[in-house]
Amino acid sequence: MRRFHAIAGMTLILALGANLASAYEVVEVKDGGALSGTVKFVGEPPKQNPIPVKKNRDLCGDAVPSEALVLGPNKGVKHAVVWIEGITKGKKPDAPEVVLDNVKCLFAPHVLAVAVGGKAAVKNSDPILHNTHSFLEKVTVFNLALPNQGQVIDITRRLKKPGVVEIQCDAHTHMRGWLVVRGDPYFAVTDESGSFKITDIPPGKYAVVVWHESWKVTGTDKDGRPVYDKPVVITKEVTIPSKGEARVEFELK
C-alpha cells in the first residue's frame, strides 16, 4: 500500500509538471467526443470519526462530520476530480464562476476545480470571522481574512498555475477543502453518485486521471487538525472516439 501511494504521488507530480510545461490553445473542436464514468468505493467503507470544533461552537456545533470520503447509496465517491492529460488544443473554458463558500463553518463545496484564468472567488456566509488560507506545495496561494457576513473576494488572478491547492481556515482548525487548478478545461468533479462527464474532447488516445484527497488519518498536526495519507491518484488509458462517447470506471479501496 505504501508503494502504491508513492507511485500515486509521483504520478500526480508528473501530471502537474506536464501541464506547467505546455500552454493551452483554444481552437474549434471538430467531431469531438465525450468521456463519462463513475468513481466507486470497493469494500467495506471505513469508519470516519467526527472532527471536534474548538471555536464558535454556538454556531459551528461541537463537532462536524468528516468530508474526506463521501459516498452515495451505491458507494459512488463524491468529490473526486477526473481530468484528461495531454490536451494542448481544444475547447474554450466556459465554466461559470466557482465560489468557495465559508458556510455553517465548513467549506462548500468541499472540492472545487477550475481552469487557470477561470473566474473564482471566496465568500463568507457566516456571521463570524473566517480566515481562508490555501497552499500549493506548502507555498501560500491566498490568505484571506473575511470578518463580514456576505463578504466576497475575487481570487481569479491568484490562481496562476495548475496544481492541487489545499485549503484551511486559520480560525477554525476543523475546516478543510481543496481547489484543483488545471491548465485546460478537460476536467470534472464527481457528483453525489460518483458520476462525471467531460465533453468536446478532440478524438484520440489519452491518459485519464482520477484524484482523491484520501480518507486515511495518520495523525494530527500541531493545531489538532487531522493529518491524512497522500492523495490517491489512479491513471487509465482511454480512446475518445470521433462524435462518440467513451466510458471509464475507477475504483477506490
Foldseek 3Di string as FASTA:
>chain_A
DVVQLVVQVVVQVVQQVQQVVAAAAEDEQALWFKEKEFEFADDDDDDFDWAAWDPPCVQQNGTHTDPQFAAAPRRTTFFKKKFWGDHRYFHDDDDAEAEFECDSNETPPQEEEEEQQGKYKYAYQDQAWWWKWKDFVNHTLDTHIDGHHGDMDTSNVSCHGFGKMKIDTPVILAYIGIYGYGSDNGMFTADNNRMDMGIGHRFFKTKMKIKGQADAFDQADPVGHTDGDHIRMDIDIDTGDRNYYYYDYHYDD
